[in-house]
Protein backbone atom coordinates (compact mmCIF):
# COMPACT_ATOMS: atom_id res chain seq x y z
CA MET A 1 -70.20 -12.19 -35.15
CA MET A 2 -68.48 -13.19 -38.60
CA THR A 3 -64.66 -13.42 -39.15
CA ALA A 4 -62.99 -11.44 -41.30
CA PRO A 5 -62.29 -14.72 -43.02
CA GLU A 6 -65.87 -15.46 -43.56
CA LYS A 7 -66.74 -12.05 -44.45
CA LEU A 8 -64.12 -12.51 -47.14
CA SER A 9 -65.11 -15.98 -48.43
CA VAL A 10 -68.63 -14.24 -48.89
CA LEU A 11 -67.29 -11.01 -50.62
CA SER A 12 -64.99 -13.77 -52.75
CA GLN A 13 -68.29 -15.34 -54.32
CA ALA A 14 -69.59 -12.10 -55.17
CA ALA A 15 -66.52 -10.74 -56.56
CA ARG A 16 -66.20 -13.68 -59.10
CA LEU A 17 -69.66 -13.42 -60.18
CA LEU A 18 -69.18 -9.69 -60.39
CA ASP A 19 -65.80 -9.96 -62.56
CA ARG A 20 -67.39 -13.02 -64.72
CA GLU A 21 -69.87 -10.73 -66.34
CA GLY A 22 -67.16 -8.08 -66.98
CA LEU A 23 -68.33 -5.21 -64.70
CA ILE A 24 -66.24 -2.43 -63.00
CA TRP A 25 -66.28 -2.33 -59.43
CA ALA A 26 -64.18 -1.61 -56.64
CA ALA A 27 -64.40 -2.33 -52.73
CA GLY A 28 -63.92 0.47 -50.87
CA ALA A 29 -64.46 2.13 -47.23
CA SER A 30 -63.37 -0.08 -44.15
CA LEU A 31 -62.69 -2.92 -46.50
CA LEU A 32 -60.15 -0.63 -48.30
CA LEU A 33 -58.33 0.38 -45.06
CA TYR A 34 -58.53 -3.39 -43.47
CA SER A 35 -56.69 -4.34 -46.93
CA LEU A 36 -53.93 -1.89 -45.79
CA GLY A 37 -53.85 -2.88 -42.79
CA ILE A 38 -54.86 0.57 -41.06
CA VAL A 39 -57.70 -1.19 -39.22
CA SER A 40 -57.81 -4.69 -37.93
CA ASP A 41 -61.51 -5.40 -39.04
CA PHE A 42 -64.44 -4.32 -41.00
CA HIS A 43 -68.11 -4.50 -40.13
CA ASP A 44 -69.57 -4.66 -43.91
CA VAL A 45 -68.56 -3.90 -47.13
CA ASP A 46 -68.75 -0.85 -49.39
CA LEU A 47 -68.75 -1.84 -53.45
CA LEU A 48 -68.61 0.98 -55.77
CA ILE A 49 -69.86 0.29 -59.40
CA ARG A 50 -69.37 1.96 -62.54
CA LYS A 51 -72.48 3.69 -64.23
CA GLY A 52 -74.27 1.25 -66.41
CA ASP A 53 -73.40 -1.81 -64.46
CA GLU A 54 -75.50 -1.02 -61.47
CA ALA A 55 -78.43 -3.35 -62.70
CA ALA A 56 -76.30 -6.28 -63.65
CA ALA A 57 -74.63 -6.04 -60.05
CA ASP A 58 -77.87 -5.55 -58.49
CA GLN A 59 -78.83 -8.93 -60.18
CA ILE A 60 -76.19 -10.95 -59.68
CA LEU A 61 -75.93 -9.49 -55.48
CA SER A 62 -79.87 -10.36 -55.01
CA SER A 63 -79.49 -13.59 -56.23
CA LEU A 64 -77.11 -14.57 -53.80
CA GLY A 65 -79.18 -12.74 -50.73
CA GLN A 66 -81.73 -10.62 -49.51
CA PRO A 67 -81.59 -7.08 -51.25
CA TYR A 68 -82.81 -4.37 -49.20
CA PRO A 69 -82.91 -1.13 -51.83
CA ARG A 70 -82.72 2.20 -49.74
CA ARG A 71 -82.93 5.87 -50.53
CA PRO A 72 -79.90 7.39 -49.23
CA GLN A 73 -80.15 9.80 -46.02
CA LYS A 74 -78.68 13.43 -46.15
CA PRO A 75 -76.12 14.24 -46.28
CA TYR A 76 -75.74 11.55 -48.94
CA ALA A 77 -77.03 12.11 -52.58
CA THR A 78 -75.88 8.76 -53.96
CA GLU A 79 -77.63 8.22 -57.22
CA VAL A 80 -78.02 4.25 -56.81
CA PHE A 81 -77.72 3.00 -53.25
CA CYS A 82 -78.45 -0.75 -52.15
CA GLU A 83 -77.80 -2.91 -49.36
CA TYR A 84 -77.98 -6.95 -49.32
CA ASN A 85 -77.68 -9.30 -46.79
CA ILE A 86 -75.64 -12.26 -48.09
CA ARG A 87 -75.16 -15.34 -45.48
CA GLY A 88 -74.82 -12.63 -42.64
CA LEU A 89 -72.69 -9.77 -44.20
CA GLU A 90 -74.22 -6.54 -45.57
CA ILE A 91 -72.96 -5.25 -48.42
CA ASP A 92 -73.41 -2.01 -49.99
CA LEU A 93 -73.99 -1.15 -53.67
CA MET A 94 -73.25 2.39 -54.70
CA CYS A 95 -73.06 4.40 -58.15
CA ASN A 96 -72.31 8.06 -58.23
CA LEU A 97 -71.78 8.24 -54.46
CA ALA A 98 -72.63 11.65 -53.73
CA VAL A 99 -72.40 13.76 -50.44
CA GLU A 100 -74.19 17.16 -50.03
CA HIS A 101 -72.46 20.13 -48.21
CA ASP A 102 -72.32 23.78 -47.73
CA SER A 103 -70.41 24.22 -50.62
CA GLY A 104 -72.56 22.03 -53.29
CA CYS A 105 -72.71 18.29 -53.59
CA TYR A 106 -69.29 16.00 -54.31
CA VAL A 107 -69.99 13.14 -56.65
CA TYR A 108 -67.57 10.35 -56.86
CA CYS A 109 -68.58 9.11 -60.28
CA PHE A 110 -66.57 5.50 -60.05
CA GLU A 111 -64.78 4.13 -63.38
CA GLU A 112 -62.27 1.87 -64.35
CA SER A 113 -59.54 4.59 -63.61
CA HIS A 114 -60.26 4.56 -60.25
CA VAL A 115 -59.14 1.07 -59.37
CA ALA A 116 -55.60 1.84 -57.62
CA GLU A 117 -55.00 -1.98 -57.64
CA ARG A 118 -56.07 -5.10 -56.94
CA ARG A 119 -55.38 -7.59 -53.88
CA LEU A 120 -55.61 -11.25 -53.25
CA LEU A 121 -57.97 -11.66 -50.05
CA SER A 122 -59.34 -15.02 -49.89
CA GLY A 123 -58.43 -16.54 -53.07
CA CYS A 124 -59.60 -13.87 -55.29
CA MET A 125 -58.39 -10.68 -56.73
CA ILE A 126 -60.71 -7.67 -55.33
CA PRO A 127 -60.37 -4.21 -56.92
CA PHE A 128 -59.69 -1.02 -54.52
CA PRO A 129 -59.81 2.80 -55.43
CA TYR A 130 -57.21 4.87 -54.46
CA LEU A 131 -56.93 5.77 -50.62
CA GLU A 132 -56.74 9.16 -51.44
CA ASP A 133 -60.59 9.24 -52.95
CA TRP A 134 -61.67 7.99 -49.82
CA TYR A 135 -59.60 10.48 -47.66
CA LEU A 136 -61.86 13.12 -49.23
CA LEU A 137 -65.00 11.04 -48.72
CA TYR A 138 -64.42 10.26 -45.03
CA GLN A 139 -63.67 14.22 -44.84
CA LEU A 140 -66.97 14.60 -46.23
CA PHE A 141 -69.17 11.74 -44.43
CA PRO A 142 -70.36 12.77 -41.05
CA ASP A 143 -68.66 11.23 -37.70
CA ARG A 144 -65.82 9.81 -39.83
CA GLU A 145 -62.89 12.00 -37.76
CA GLU A 146 -60.97 8.89 -36.52
CA LYS A 147 -61.09 7.22 -39.94
CA VAL A 148 -59.66 10.63 -41.51
CA ARG A 149 -56.82 10.60 -38.97
CA LEU A 150 -56.11 7.08 -39.35
CA VAL A 151 -55.79 7.54 -43.34
CA GLU A 152 -53.75 10.63 -42.91
CA GLU A 153 -51.21 8.66 -40.63
CA TYR A 154 -50.79 6.45 -43.40
CA LEU A 155 -50.53 8.53 -46.48
CA ALA A 156 -47.93 10.67 -44.28
CA ALA A 157 -46.07 7.59 -43.55
CA GLY A 158 -44.79 7.92 -47.58
CA HIS A 159 -47.83 6.45 -49.02
CA LEU A 160 -49.61 9.28 -50.57
CA ASN A 161 -50.27 9.81 -54.22
CA ALA A 162 -49.95 13.68 -54.39
CA GLY A 163 -51.18 13.64 -57.95
CA ARG A 164 -54.18 11.62 -57.46
CA LEU A 165 -55.33 13.90 -54.07
CA ARG A 166 -54.71 17.00 -56.21
CA ARG A 167 -56.57 15.62 -59.28
CA GLN A 168 -59.65 14.64 -56.83
CA LEU A 169 -59.49 18.06 -55.35
CA GLU A 170 -59.94 19.88 -58.46
CA ALA A 171 -62.76 17.22 -59.44
CA SER A 172 -65.91 18.53 -57.86
CA PRO A 173 -66.62 21.13 -55.58
CA ILE A 174 -65.08 20.64 -51.88
CA PRO A 175 -65.83 22.96 -48.63
CA GLN A 176 -63.00 25.03 -47.79
CA HIS A 177 -62.15 23.13 -44.26
CA VAL A 178 -61.52 19.84 -46.48
CA GLN A 179 -59.55 21.92 -49.34
CA GLN A 180 -57.59 23.14 -46.39
CA ARG A 181 -56.87 20.10 -44.37
CA SER A 182 -55.77 18.20 -47.58
CA GLU A 183 -53.49 20.86 -48.75
CA ARG A 184 -51.77 20.74 -45.37
CA LEU A 185 -51.55 17.02 -45.99
CA LEU A 186 -49.66 17.70 -49.72
CA ARG A 187 -47.69 20.14 -47.87
CA ARG A 188 -46.54 17.86 -45.16
CA CYS A 189 -46.12 14.98 -47.46
CA THR A 190 -44.24 16.65 -50.61
CA ALA A 191 -41.90 19.43 -48.14
CA GLY A 192 -37.93 19.03 -49.29
CA THR A 193 -39.24 16.98 -52.52
């Protein structure tokens, strides 16, 4: 099993190539949580890529390791989803990440404005999306209650960007239970402000 530093070394190699080509991307999911200290490890790397940059990103990642193009399985309806094994690390590339639900389909159209910050990891600046975006996504993904709870605790501890969460709630159809849970978090975090 690879250590976190070994995984970050592989990511750094890919990141430098993606950046050299001027592609707009970010690392989300468990690596985002790891970078914030919410979890102590991550198993793979989920990369979000801007529409229009996916072919160049695929070419770069394919040059580094073995590609495994896959079709997403329900409830996922992501437009572009590819897996790569690069020196033992699984990297998933996603463009227009989408999740079907009872009220429709939530589509996360990643763009440069979705990059919240860049963090130095393994000698390389890695862009990360807003945690609020992943708070909604984790609520939509099946079997992610533990991650939702961990993210809620972190956001409630003074890290919530309330404006960002409100904008994302309005951006795409959201199931009522996700809307209600998110609004409870907003009320909890903004009470008295």
